[in-house]
């Protein structure tokens, strides 16, 4: 898994590529919590994720909970079919803010700076 972080319209965008599994989820968790510690709105781009296991999902849930605690926004963008299946099975597609593409985020209330 690779992690790329950039800022777009004041929002931290974390793009992931590859598999999010027990080997890589601690690295993801650390990066997400670090960014949320800066009190920034955060999007996780899952367009290029081939596989995500429960440890990866747990990292996303923990980040979501921390964002709520800090009063910042957390969302997912471009969720791959494989990742969406897992989120739907866990019913997390009803919990997370999920956007088809980045352009959809910037028009959403409370996201654009």
PDB file of N, CA and C in Angstrom:
ATOM      1  N   UNK A   1       0.841  -1.175   0.000  1.00  0.00           N
ATOM      2  CA  UNK A   1       0.000   0.000   0.000  1.00  0.00           C
ATOM      3  C   UNK A   1       0.884   1.236   0.000  1.00  0.00           C
ATOM      4  N   UNK A   2       0.483   2.221  -0.777  1.00  0.00           N
ATOM      5  CA  UNK A   2       1.166   3.502  -0.741  1.00  0.00           C
ATOM      6  C   UNK A   2       0.188   4.570  -0.254  1.00  0.00           C
ATOM      7  N   UNK A   3       0.739   5.573   0.414  1.00  0.00           N
ATOM      8  CA  UNK A   3      -0.049   6.677   0.947  1.00  0.00           C
ATOM      9  C   UNK A   3       0.509   7.970   0.375  1.00  0.00           C
ATOM     10  N   UNK A   4      -0.358   8.760  -0.227  1.00  0.00           N
ATOM     11  CA  UNK A   4       0.026  10.067  -0.746  1.00  0.00           C
ATOM     12  C   UNK A   4      -0.885  11.097  -0.086  1.00  0.00           C
ATOM     13  N   UNK A   5      -0.290  12.147   0.468  1.00  0.00           N
ATOM     14  CA  UNK A   5      -1.070  13.182   1.139  1.00  0.00           C
ATOM     15  C   UNK A   5      -0.873  14.505   0.396  1.00  0.00           C
ATOM     16  N   UNK A   6      -1.979  15.170   0.130  1.00  0.00           N
ATOM     17  CA  UNK A   6      -1.927  16.493  -0.487  1.00  0.00           C
ATOM     18  C   UNK A   6      -3.059  17.338   0.090  1.00  0.00           C
ATOM     19  N   UNK A   7      -3.026  18.622  -0.182  1.00  0.00           N
ATOM     20  CA  UNK A   7      -4.087  19.518   0.272  1.00  0.00           C
ATOM     21  C   UNK A   7      -4.785  20.107  -0.938  1.00  0.00           C
ATOM     22  N   UNK A   8      -6.109  20.028  -0.925  1.00  0.00           N
ATOM     23  CA  UNK A   8      -6.920  20.614  -1.982  1.00  0.00           C
ATOM     24  C   UNK A   8      -8.035  21.412  -1.337  1.00  0.00           C
ATOM     25  N   UNK A   9      -8.094  22.686  -1.678  1.00  0.00           N
ATOM     26  CA  UNK A   9      -9.116  23.588  -1.128  1.00  0.00           C
ATOM     27  C   UNK A   9      -9.133  23.550   0.402  1.00  0.00           C
ATOM     28  N   UNK A  10      -7.971  23.426   0.995  1.00  0.00           N
ATOM     29  CA  UNK A  10      -7.856  23.421   2.449  1.00  0.00           C
ATOM     30  C   UNK A  10      -8.177  22.095   3.112  1.00  0.00           C
ATOM     31  N   UNK A  11      -8.457  21.073   2.315  1.00  0.00           N
ATOM     32  CA  UNK A  11      -8.809  19.749   2.832  1.00  0.00           C
ATOM     33  C   UNK A  11      -7.619  18.811   2.634  1.00  0.00           C
ATOM     34  N   UNK A  12      -7.257  18.084   3.665  1.00  0.00           N
ATOM     35  CA  UNK A  12      -6.210  17.064   3.533  1.00  0.00           C
ATOM     36  C   UNK A  12      -6.809  15.876   2.787  1.00  0.00           C
ATOM     37  N   UNK A  13      -6.155  15.475   1.699  1.00  0.00           N
ATOM     38  CA  UNK A  13      -6.612  14.338   0.896  1.00  0.00           C
ATOM     39  C   UNK A  13      -5.546  13.249   0.977  1.00  0.00           C
ATOM     40  N   UNK A  14      -5.957  12.101   1.497  1.00  0.00           N
ATOM     41  CA  UNK A  14      -5.055  10.959   1.625  1.00  0.00           C
ATOM     42  C   UNK A  14      -5.448   9.941   0.561  1.00  0.00           C
ATOM     43  N   UNK A  15      -4.575   9.772  -0.438  1.00  0.00           N
ATOM     44  CA  UNK A  15      -4.842   8.811  -1.509  1.00  0.00           C
ATOM     45  C   UNK A  15      -4.113   7.513  -1.203  1.00  0.00           C
ATOM     46  N   UNK A  16      -4.861   6.426  -1.248  1.00  0.00           N
ATOM     47  CA  UNK A  16      -4.305   5.106  -0.955  1.00  0.00           C
ATOM     48  C   UNK A  16      -4.299   4.266  -2.216  1.00  0.00           C
ATOM     49  N   UNK A  17      -3.274   3.438  -2.335  1.00  0.00           N
ATOM     50  CA  UNK A  17      -3.171   2.556  -3.492  1.00  0.00           C
ATOM     51  C   UNK A  17      -2.687   1.192  -3.029  1.00  0.00           C
ATOM     52  N   UNK A  18      -3.378   0.146  -3.457  1.00  0.00           N
ATOM     53  CA  UNK A  18      -2.975  -1.210  -3.113  1.00  0.00           C
ATOM     54  C   UNK A  18      -3.917  -1.854  -2.114  1.00  0.00           C
ATOM     55  N   UNK A  19      -3.354  -2.705  -1.266  1.00  0.00           N
ATOM     56  CA  UNK A  19      -4.134  -3.459  -0.281  1.00  0.00           C
ATOM     57  C   UNK A  19      -3.974  -2.846   1.106  1.00  0.00           C
ATOM     58  N   UNK A  20      -5.089  -2.719   1.805  1.00  0.00           N
ATOM     59  CA  UNK A  20      -5.060  -2.243   3.189  1.00  0.00           C
ATOM     60  C   UNK A  20      -5.371  -3.451   4.056  1.00  0.00           C
ATOM     61  N   UNK A  21      -4.329  -4.006   4.639  1.00  0.00           N
ATOM     62  CA  UNK A  21      -4.481  -5.212   5.442  1.00  0.00           C
ATOM     63  C   UNK A  21      -3.717  -5.052   6.754  1.00  0.00           C
ATOM     64  N   UNK A  22      -3.631  -6.113   7.510  1.00  0.00           N
ATOM     65  CA  UNK A  22      -3.001  -6.079   8.826  1.00  0.00           C
ATOM     66  C   UNK A  22      -1.562  -5.574   8.762  1.00  0.00           C
ATOM     67  N   UNK A  23      -0.891  -5.821   7.662  1.00  0.00           N
ATOM     68  CA  UNK A  23       0.490  -5.359   7.530  1.00  0.00           C
ATOM     69  C   UNK A  23       0.568  -3.836   7.384  1.00  0.00           C
ATOM     70  N   UNK A  24      -0.369  -3.225   6.667  1.00  0.00           N
ATOM     71  CA  UNK A  24      -0.287  -1.802   6.346  1.00  0.00           C
ATOM     72  C   UNK A  24      -1.245  -0.911   7.131  1.00  0.00           C
ATOM     73  N   UNK A  25      -2.261  -1.477   7.757  1.00  0.00           N
ATOM     74  CA  UNK A  25      -3.240  -0.637   8.456  1.00  0.00           C
ATOM     75  C   UNK A  25      -2.631   0.177   9.610  1.00  0.00           C
ATOM     76  N   UNK A  26      -1.602  -0.307  10.340  1.00  0.00           N
ATOM     77  CA  UNK A  26      -1.007   0.552  11.374  1.00  0.00           C
ATOM     78  C   UNK A  26      -0.385   1.829  10.789  1.00  0.00           C
ATOM     79  N   UNK A  27       0.220   1.709   9.612  1.00  0.00           N
ATOM     80  CA  UNK A  27       0.801   2.871   8.935  1.00  0.00           C
ATOM     81  C   UNK A  27      -0.304   3.854   8.546  1.00  0.00           C
ATOM     82  N   UNK A  28      -1.413   3.329   8.026  1.00  0.00           N
ATOM     83  CA  UNK A  28      -2.548   4.166   7.662  1.00  0.00           C
ATOM     84  C   UNK A  28      -3.131   4.844   8.892  1.00  0.00           C
ATOM     85  N   UNK A  29      -3.350   4.089   9.930  1.00  0.00           N
ATOM     86  CA  UNK A  29      -3.910   4.625  11.174  1.00  0.00           C
ATOM     87  C   UNK A  29      -3.060   5.781  11.691  1.00  0.00           C
ATOM     88  N   UNK A  30      -1.755   5.574  11.736  1.00  0.00           N
ATOM     89  CA  UNK A  30      -0.838   6.610  12.231  1.00  0.00           C
ATOM     90  C   UNK A  30      -0.962   7.888  11.403  1.00  0.00           C
ATOM     91  N   UNK A  31      -0.989   7.764  10.085  1.00  0.00           N
ATOM     92  CA  UNK A  31      -1.076   8.938   9.207  1.00  0.00           C
ATOM     93  C   UNK A  31      -2.404   9.657   9.375  1.00  0.00           C
ATOM     94  N   UNK A  32      -3.511   8.921   9.423  1.00  0.00           N
ATOM     95  CA  UNK A  32      -4.821   9.549   9.573  1.00  0.00           C
ATOM     96  C   UNK A  32      -4.937  10.286  10.907  1.00  0.00           C
ATOM     97  N   UNK A  33      -4.492   9.652  11.983  1.00  0.00           N
ATOM     98  CA  UNK A  33      -4.591  10.289  13.298  1.00  0.00           C
ATOM     99  C   UNK A  33      -3.674  11.506  13.390  1.00  0.00           C
ATOM    100  N   UNK A  34      -2.529  11.437  12.745  1.00  0.00           N
ATOM    101  CA  UNK A  34      -1.603  12.579  12.713  1.00  0.00           C
ATOM    102  C   UNK A  34      -2.264  13.781  12.032  1.00  0.00           C
ATOM    103  N   UNK A  35      -2.872  13.549  10.884  1.00  0.00           N
ATOM    104  CA  UNK A  35      -3.539  14.630  10.158  1.00  0.00           C
ATOM    105  C   UNK A  35      -4.728  15.179  10.930  1.00  0.00           C
ATOM    106  N   UNK A  36      -5.486  14.303  11.548  1.00  0.00           N
ATOM    107  CA  UNK A  36      -6.634  14.755  12.331  1.00  0.00           C
ATOM    108  C   UNK A  36      -6.195  15.511  13.580  1.00  0.00           C
ATOM    109  N   UNK A  37      -5.013  15.198  14.087  1.00  0.00           N
ATOM    110  CA  UNK A  37      -4.460  15.931  15.219  1.00  0.00           C
ATOM    111  C   UNK A  37      -4.200  17.389  14.882  1.00  0.00           C
ATOM    112  N   UNK A  38      -4.078  17.680  13.592  1.00  0.00           N
ATOM    113  CA  UNK A  38      -3.899  19.056  13.123  1.00  0.00           C
ATOM    114  C   UNK A  38      -5.239  19.769  12.963  1.00  0.00           C
ATOM    115  N   UNK A  39      -6.312  19.079  13.332  1.00  0.00           N
ATOM    116  CA  UNK A  39      -7.677  19.637  13.268  1.00  0.00           C
ATOM    117  C   UNK A  39      -8.061  20.048  11.849  1.00  0.00           C
ATOM    118  N   UNK A  40      -7.737  19.172  10.892  1.00  0.00           N
ATOM    119  CA  UNK A  40      -8.045  19.437   9.492  1.00  0.00           C
ATOM    120  C   UNK A  40      -9.174  18.539   9.014  1.00  0.00           C
ATOM    121  N   UNK A  41      -9.985  19.068   8.101  1.00  0.00           N
ATOM    122  CA  UNK A  41     -10.944  18.212   7.416  1.00  0.00           C
ATOM    123  C   UNK A  41     -10.146  17.219   6.587  1.00  0.00           C
ATOM    124  N   UNK A  42     -10.639  15.990   6.499  1.00  0.00           N
ATOM    125  CA  UNK A  42      -9.856  14.917   5.897  1.00  0.00           C
ATOM    126  C   UNK A  42     -10.708  14.058   4.974  1.00  0.00           C
ATOM    127  N   UNK A  43     -10.169  13.798   3.793  1.00  0.00           N
ATOM    128  CA  UNK A  43     -10.779  12.875   2.839  1.00  0.00           C
ATOM    129  C   UNK A  43      -9.814  11.745   2.573  1.00  0.00           C
ATOM    130  N   UNK A  44     -10.336  10.543   2.487  1.00  0.00           N
ATOM    131  CA  UNK A  44      -9.529   9.379   2.146  1.00  0.00           C
ATOM    132  C   UNK A  44      -9.997   8.885   0.789  1.00  0.00           C
ATOM    133  N   UNK A  45      -9.085   8.927  -0.174  1.00  0.00           N
ATOM    134  CA  UNK A  45      -9.372   8.493  -1.542  1.00  0.00           C
ATOM    135  C   UNK A  45      -9.067   6.998  -1.654  1.00  0.00           C
ATOM    136  N   UNK A  46     -10.122   6.222  -1.868  1.00  0.00           N
ATOM    137  CA  UNK A  46      -9.997   4.764  -1.945  1.00  0.00           C
ATOM    138  C   UNK A  46     -10.164   4.238  -3.371  1.00  0.00           C
ATOM    139  N   UNK A  47      -9.980   5.096  -4.359  1.00  0.00           N
ATOM    140  CA  UNK A  47     -10.208   4.699  -5.753  1.00  0.00           C
ATOM    141  C   UNK A  47      -9.280   3.574  -6.209  1.00  0.00           C
ATOM    142  N   UNK A  48      -8.079   3.529  -5.653  1.00  0.00           N
ATOM    143  CA  UNK A  48      -7.097   2.541  -6.112  1.00  0.00           C
ATOM    144  C   UNK A  48      -6.811   1.467  -5.063  1.00  0.00           C
ATOM    145  N   UNK A  49      -7.782   1.238  -4.192  1.00  0.00           N
ATOM    146  CA  UNK A  49      -7.644   0.193  -3.177  1.00  0.00           C
ATOM    147  C   UNK A  49      -8.228  -1.096  -3.747  1.00  0.00           C
ATOM    148  N   UNK A  50      -7.385  -2.133  -3.800  1.00  0.00           N
ATOM    149  CA  UNK A  50      -7.822  -3.426  -4.345  1.00  0.00           C
ATOM    150  C   UNK A  50      -8.484  -4.301  -3.287  1.00  0.00           C
ATOM    151  N   UNK A  51      -8.086  -4.076  -2.025  1.00  0.00           N
ATOM    152  CA  UNK A  51      -8.542  -4.952  -0.937  1.00  0.00           C
ATOM    153  C   UNK A  51      -8.434  -4.186   0.370  1.00  0.00           C
ATOM    154  N   UNK A  52      -9.421  -4.353   1.236  1.00  0.00           N
ATOM    155  CA  UNK A  52      -9.363  -3.783   2.579  1.00  0.00           C
ATOM    156  C   UNK A  52      -9.931  -4.815   3.543  1.00  0.00           C
ATOM    157  N   UNK A  53      -9.200  -5.091   4.632  1.00  0.00           N
ATOM    158  CA  UNK A  53      -9.680  -6.053   5.622  1.00  0.00           C
ATOM    159  C   UNK A  53     -10.202  -5.309   6.847  1.00  0.00           C
ATOM    160  N   UNK A  54     -10.568  -6.063   7.867  1.00  0.00           N
ATOM    161  CA  UNK A  54     -11.176  -5.459   9.054  1.00  0.00           C
ATOM    162  C   UNK A  54     -10.230  -4.502   9.768  1.00  0.00           C
ATOM    163  N   UNK A  55      -8.926  -4.750   9.712  1.00  0.00           N
ATOM    164  CA  UNK A  55      -7.991  -3.830  10.365  1.00  0.00           C
ATOM    165  C   UNK A  55      -7.957  -2.491   9.633  1.00  0.00           C
ATOM    166  N   UNK A  56      -8.083  -2.520   8.321  1.00  0.00           N
ATOM    167  CA  UNK A  56      -8.150  -1.281   7.546  1.00  0.00           C
ATOM    168  C   UNK A  56      -9.435  -0.527   7.827  1.00  0.00           C
ATOM    169  N   UNK A  57     -10.535  -1.252   7.891  1.00  0.00           N
ATOM    170  CA  UNK A  57     -11.822  -0.639   8.214  1.00  0.00           C
ATOM    171  C   UNK A  57     -11.759  -0.030   9.613  1.00  0.00           C
ATOM    172  N   UNK A  58     -11.139  -0.724  10.559  1.00  0.00           N
ATOM    173  CA  UNK A  58     -11.021  -0.208  11.929  1.00  0.00           C
ATOM    174  C   UNK A  58     -10.231   1.103  11.953  1.00  0.00           C
ATOM    175  N   UNK A  59      -9.208   1.218  11.114  1.00  0.00           N
ATOM    176  CA  UNK A  59      -8.439   2.464  11.030  1.00  0.00           C
ATOM    177  C   UNK A  59      -9.314   3.606  10.534  1.00  0.00           C
ATOM    178  N   UNK A  60     -10.159   3.340   9.549  1.00  0.00           N
ATOM    179  CA  UNK A  60     -11.067   4.370   9.041  1.00  0.00           C
ATOM    180  C   UNK A  60     -12.094   4.769  10.095  1.00  0.00           C
ATOM    181  N   UNK A  61     -12.625   3.791  10.804  1.00  0.00           N
ATOM    182  CA  UNK A  61     -13.624   4.075  11.848  1.00  0.00           C
ATOM    183  C   UNK A  61     -13.002   4.908  12.966  1.00  0.00           C
ATOM    184  N   UNK A  62     -11.794   4.563  13.381  1.00  0.00           N
ATOM    185  CA  UNK A  62     -11.131   5.322  14.438  1.00  0.00           C
ATOM    186  C   UNK A  62     -10.892   6.768  13.996  1.00  0.00           C
ATOM    187  N   UNK A  63     -10.482   6.948  12.758  1.00  0.00           N
ATOM    188  CA  UNK A  63     -10.267   8.300  12.234  1.00  0.00           C
ATOM    189  C   UNK A  63     -11.587   9.072  12.189  1.00  0.00           C
ATOM    190  N   UNK A  64     -12.646   8.416  11.754  1.00  0.00           N
ATOM    191  CA  UNK A  64     -13.973   9.038  11.718  1.00  0.00           C
ATOM    192  C   UNK A  64     -14.395   9.505  13.115  1.00  0.00           C
ATOM    193  N   UNK A  65     -14.188   8.647  14.100  1.00  0.00           N
ATOM    194  CA  UNK A  65     -14.559   8.990  15.475  1.00  0.00           C
ATOM    195  C   UNK A  65     -13.738  10.159  16.013  1.00  0.00           C
ATOM    196  N   UNK A  66     -12.452  10.186  15.700  1.00  0.00           N
ATOM    197  CA  UNK A  66     -11.603  11.287  16.153  1.00  0.00           C
ATOM    198  C   UNK A  66     -12.007  12.592  15.477  1.00  0.00           C
ATOM    199  N   UNK A  67     -12.342  12.536  14.199  1.00  0.00           N
ATOM    200  CA  UNK A  67     -12.799  13.737  13.497  1.00  0.00           C
ATOM    201  C   UNK A  67     -14.059  14.294  14.159  1.00  0.00           C
ATOM    202  N   UNK A  68     -14.981  13.431  14.492  1.00  0.00           N
ATOM    203  CA  UNK A  68     -16.205  13.884  15.176  1.00  0.00           C
ATOM    204  C   UNK A  68     -15.871  14.515  16.517  1.00  0.00           C
ATOM    205  N   UNK A  69     -14.955  13.908  17.249  1.00  0.00           N
ATOM    206  CA  UNK A  69     -14.541  14.440  18.550  1.00  0.00           C
ATOM    207  C   UNK A  69     -13.935  15.836  18.410  1.00  0.00           C
ATOM    208  N   UNK A  70     -13.149  16.038  17.346  1.00  0.00           N
ATOM    209  CA  UNK A  70     -12.482  17.320  17.111  1.00  0.00           C
ATOM    210  C   UNK A  70     -13.374  18.332  16.397  1.00  0.00           C
ATOM    211  N   UNK A  71     -14.541  17.910  15.941  1.00  0.00           N
ATOM    212  CA  UNK A  71     -15.420  18.810  15.212  1.00  0.00           C
ATOM    213  C   UNK A  71     -14.952  19.078  13.788  1.00  0.00           C
ATOM    214  N   UNK A  72     -14.205  18.139  13.229  1.00  0.00           N
ATOM    215  CA  UNK A  72     -13.767  18.266  11.844  1.00  0.00           C
ATOM    216  C   UNK A  72     -14.503  17.237  10.994  1.00  0.00           C
ATOM    217  N   UNK A  73     -14.362  17.371   9.704  1.00  0.00           N
ATOM    218  CA  UNK A  73     -15.064  16.478   8.783  1.00  0.00           C
ATOM    219  C   UNK A  73     -14.139  15.357   8.312  1.00  0.00           C
ATOM    220  N   UNK A  74     -14.741  14.191   8.082  1.00  0.00           N
ATOM    221  CA  UNK A  74     -14.029  13.022   7.594  1.00  0.00           C
ATOM    222  C   UNK A  74     -14.906  12.365   6.538  1.00  0.00           C
ATOM    223  N   UNK A  75     -14.329  12.066   5.406  1.00  0.00           N
ATOM    224  CA  UNK A  75     -15.106  11.427   4.353  1.00  0.00           C
ATOM    225  C   UNK A  75     -14.247  10.551   3.468  1.00  0.00           C
ATOM    226  N   UNK A  76     -14.930   9.778   2.646  1.00  0.00           N
ATOM    227  CA  UNK A  76     -14.285   8.894   1.690  1.00  0.00           C
ATOM    228  C   UNK A  76     -14.653   9.360   0.290  1.00  0.00           C
ATOM    229  N   UNK A  77     -13.719   9.188  -0.630  1.00  0.00           N
ATOM    230  CA  UNK A  77     -13.967   9.631  -2.002  1.00  0.00           C
ATOM    231  C   UNK A  77     -13.487   8.562  -2.975  1.00  0.00           C
ATOM    232  N   UNK A  78     -14.221   8.425  -4.090  1.00  0.00           N
ATOM    233  CA  UNK A  78     -13.824   7.504  -5.147  1.00  0.00           C
ATOM    234  C   UNK A  78     -13.656   6.073  -4.673  1.00  0.00           C
ATOM    235  N   UNK A  79     -14.529   5.609  -3.829  1.00  0.00           N
ATOM    236  CA  UNK A  79     -14.380   4.281  -3.219  1.00  0.00           C
ATOM    237  C   UNK A  79     -14.449   3.192  -4.289  1.00  0.00           C
ATOM    238  N   UNK A  80     -13.409   2.358  -4.338  1.00  0.00           N
ATOM    239  CA  UNK A  80     -13.371   1.263  -5.308  1.00  0.00           C
ATOM    240  C   UNK A  80     -14.494   0.267  -5.028  1.00  0.00           C
ATOM    241  N   UNK A  81     -14.814  -0.528  -6.020  1.00  0.00           N
ATOM    242  CA  UNK A  81     -15.862  -1.542  -5.875  1.00  0.00           C
ATOM    243  C   UNK A  81     -15.525  -2.514  -4.740  1.00  0.00           C
ATOM    244  N   UNK A  82     -14.273  -2.945  -4.679  1.00  0.00           N
ATOM    245  CA  UNK A  82     -13.862  -3.898  -3.637  1.00  0.00           C
ATOM    246  C   UNK A  82     -14.013  -3.296  -2.242  1.00  0.00           C
ATOM    247  N   UNK A  83     -13.591  -2.044  -2.078  1.00  0.00           N
ATOM    248  CA  UNK A  83     -13.702  -1.391  -0.770  1.00  0.00           C
ATOM    249  C   UNK A  83     -15.174  -1.128  -0.426  1.00  0.00           C
ATOM    250  N   UNK A  84     -15.966  -0.744  -1.414  1.00  0.00           N
ATOM    251  CA  UNK A  84     -17.382  -0.462  -1.158  1.00  0.00           C
ATOM    252  C   UNK A  84     -18.112  -1.713  -0.694  1.00  0.00           C
ATOM    253  N   UNK A  85     -17.778  -2.866  -1.252  1.00  0.00           N
ATOM    254  CA  UNK A  85     -18.419  -4.112  -0.812  1.00  0.00           C
ATOM    255  C   UNK A  85     -18.206  -4.343   0.679  1.00  0.00           C
ATOM    256  N   UNK A  86     -16.994  -4.118   1.129  1.00  0.00           N
ATOM    257  CA  UNK A  86     -16.674  -4.314   2.552  1.00  0.00           C
ATOM    258  C   UNK A  86     -17.421  -3.293   3.402  1.00  0.00           C
ATOM    259  N   UNK A  87     -17.431  -2.038   2.969  1.00  0.00           N
ATOM    260  CA  UNK A  87     -18.138  -1.000   3.730  1.00  0.00           C
ATOM    261  C   UNK A  87     -19.634  -1.295   3.791  1.00  0.00           C
ATOM    262  N   UNK A  88     -20.197  -1.790   2.704  1.00  0.00           N
ATOM    263  CA  UNK A  88     -21.622  -2.125   2.693  1.00  0.00           C
ATOM    264  C   UNK A  88     -21.928  -3.304   3.607  1.00  0.00           C
ATOM    265  N   UNK A  89     -21.063  -4.304   3.607  1.00  0.00           N
ATOM    266  CA  UNK A  89     -21.263  -5.458   4.498  1.00  0.00           C
ATOM    267  C   UNK A  89     -21.272  -5.029   5.964  1.00  0.00           C
ATOM    268  N   UNK A  90     -20.416  -4.063   6.279  1.00  0.00           N
ATOM    269  CA  UNK A  90     -20.337  -3.560   7.659  1.00  0.00           C
ATOM    270  C   UNK A  90     -21.347  -2.432   7.904  1.00  0.00           C
ATOM    271  N   UNK A  91     -22.111  -2.092   6.877  1.00  0.00           N
ATOM    272  CA  UNK A  91     -23.092  -1.002   6.914  1.00  0.00           C
ATOM    273  C   UNK A  91     -22.461   0.360   7.194  1.00  0.00           C
ATOM    274  N   UNK A  92     -21.191   0.462   6.913  1.00  0.00           N
ATOM    275  CA  UNK A  92     -20.486   1.723   7.118  1.00  0.00           C
ATOM    276  C   UNK A  92     -20.726   2.699   5.969  1.00  0.00           C
ATOM    277  N   UNK A  93     -21.283   2.215   4.875  1.00  0.00           N
ATOM    278  CA  UNK A  93     -21.649   3.112   3.781  1.00  0.00           C
ATOM    279  C   UNK A  93     -22.752   4.070   4.226  1.00  0.00           C
ATOM    280  N   UNK A  94     -23.406   3.744   5.330  1.00  0.00           N
ATOM    281  CA  UNK A  94     -24.453   4.603   5.897  1.00  0.00           C
ATOM    282  C   UNK A  94     -23.904   5.545   6.964  1.00  0.00           C
ATOM    283  N   UNK A  95     -22.674   5.315   7.371  1.00  0.00           N
ATOM    284  CA  UNK A  95     -22.052   6.095   8.443  1.00  0.00           C
ATOM    285  C   UNK A  95     -21.124   7.167   7.868  1.00  0.00           C
ATOM    286  N   UNK A  96     -20.252   6.756   6.958  1.00  0.00           N
ATOM    287  CA  UNK A  96     -19.281   7.669   6.376  1.00  0.00           C
ATOM    288  C   UNK A  96     -19.934   8.580   5.332  1.00  0.00           C
ATOM    289  N   UNK A  97     -19.400   9.799   5.212  1.00  0.00           N
ATOM    290  CA  UNK A  97     -19.738  10.641   4.061  1.00  0.00           C
ATOM    291  C   UNK A  97     -18.917  10.088   2.899  1.00  0.00           C
ATOM    292  N   UNK A  98     -19.607   9.675   1.835  1.00  0.00           N
ATOM    293  CA  UNK A  98     -18.934   9.068   0.685  1.00  0.00           C
ATOM    294  C   UNK A  98     -19.275   9.873  -0.561  1.00  0.00           C
ATOM    295  N   UNK A  99     -18.229  10.279  -1.282  1.00  0.00           N
ATOM    296  CA  UNK A  99     -18.380  11.087  -2.487  1.00  0.00           C
ATOM    297  C   UNK A  99     -17.805  10.330  -3.683  1.00  0.00           C
ATOM    298  N   UNK A 100     -18.473  10.413  -4.839  1.00  0.00           N
ATOM    299  CA  UNK A 100     -17.961   9.731  -6.026  1.00  0.00           C
ATOM    300  C   UNK A 100     -16.605  10.271  -6.490  1.00  0.00           C
ATOM    301  N   UNK A 101     -16.422  11.594  -6.396  1.00  0.00           N
ATOM    302  CA  UNK A 101     -15.192  12.226  -6.867  1.00  0.00           C
ATOM    303  C   UNK A 101     -14.892  13.476  -6.040  1.00  0.00           C
ATOM    304  N   UNK A 102     -13.655  13.946  -6.113  1.00  0.00           N
ATOM    305  CA  UNK A 102     -13.259  15.130  -5.353  1.00  0.00           C
ATOM    306  C   UNK A 102     -14.107  16.348  -5.681  1.00  0.00           C
ATOM    307  N   UNK A 103     -14.441  16.542  -6.936  1.00  0.00           N
ATOM    308  CA  UNK A 103     -15.247  17.703  -7.318  1.00  0.00           C
ATOM    309  C   UNK A 103     -16.600  17.727  -6.608  1.00  0.00           C
ATOM    310  N   UNK A 104     -17.116  16.563  -6.262  1.00  0.00           N
ATOM    311  CA  UNK A 104     -18.389  16.491  -5.545  1.00  0.00           C
ATOM    312  C   UNK A 104     -18.258  16.992  -4.120  1.00  0.00           C
ATOM    313  N   UNK A 105     -17.070  16.876  -3.551  1.00  0.00           N
ATOM    314  CA  UNK A 105     -16.829  17.289  -2.167  1.00  0.00           C
ATOM    315  C   UNK A 105     -16.850  18.803  -2.064  1.00  0.00           C
ATOM    316  N   UNK A 106     -16.192  19.476  -2.995  1.00  0.00           N
ATOM    317  CA  UNK A 106     -16.014  20.918  -2.877  1.00  0.00           C
ATOM    318  C   UNK A 106     -17.320  21.682  -2.957  1.00  0.00           C
ATOM    319  N   UNK A 107     -18.335  21.086  -3.517  1.00  0.00           N
ATOM    320  CA  UNK A 107     -19.641  21.732  -3.553  1.00  0.00           C
ATOM    321  C   UNK A 107     -20.524  21.360  -2.372  1.00  0.00           C
ATOM    322  N   UNK A 108     -20.070  20.410  -1.564  1.00  0.00           N
ATOM    323  CA  UNK A 108     -20.883  19.948  -0.434  1.00  0.00           C
ATOM    324  C   UNK A 108     -20.781  20.923   0.736  1.00  0.00           C
ATOM    325  N   UNK A 109     -21.857  21.097   1.426  1.00  0.00           N
ATOM    326  CA  UNK A 109     -21.910  22.033   2.549  1.00  0.00           C
ATOM    327  C   UNK A 109     -20.898  21.674   3.627  1.00  0.00           C
ATOM    328  N   UNK A 110     -20.140  22.669   4.075  1.00  0.00           N
ATOM    329  CA  UNK A 110     -19.199  22.499   5.167  1.00  0.00           C
ATOM    330  C   UNK A 110     -17.842  21.967   4.767  1.00  0.00           C
ATOM    331  N   UNK A 111     -17.642  21.622   3.493  1.00  0.00           N
ATOM    332  CA  UNK A 111     -16.360  21.037   3.080  1.00  0.00           C
ATOM    333  C   UNK A 111     -15.414  22.060   2.486  1.00  0.00           C
ATOM    334  N   UNK A 112     -15.896  22.874   1.614  1.00  0.00           N
ATOM    335  CA  UNK A 112     -15.000  23.835   0.937  1.00  0.00           C
ATOM    336  C   UNK A 112     -14.600  24.946   1.889  1.00  0.00           C
ATOM    337  N   UNK A 113     -13.342  25.372   1.751  1.00  0.00           N
ATOM    338  CA  UNK A 113     -12.892  26.473   2.615  1.00  0.00           C
ATOM    339  C   UNK A 113     -12.941  27.784   1.867  1.00  0.00           C
TER     340      UNK A 113
END
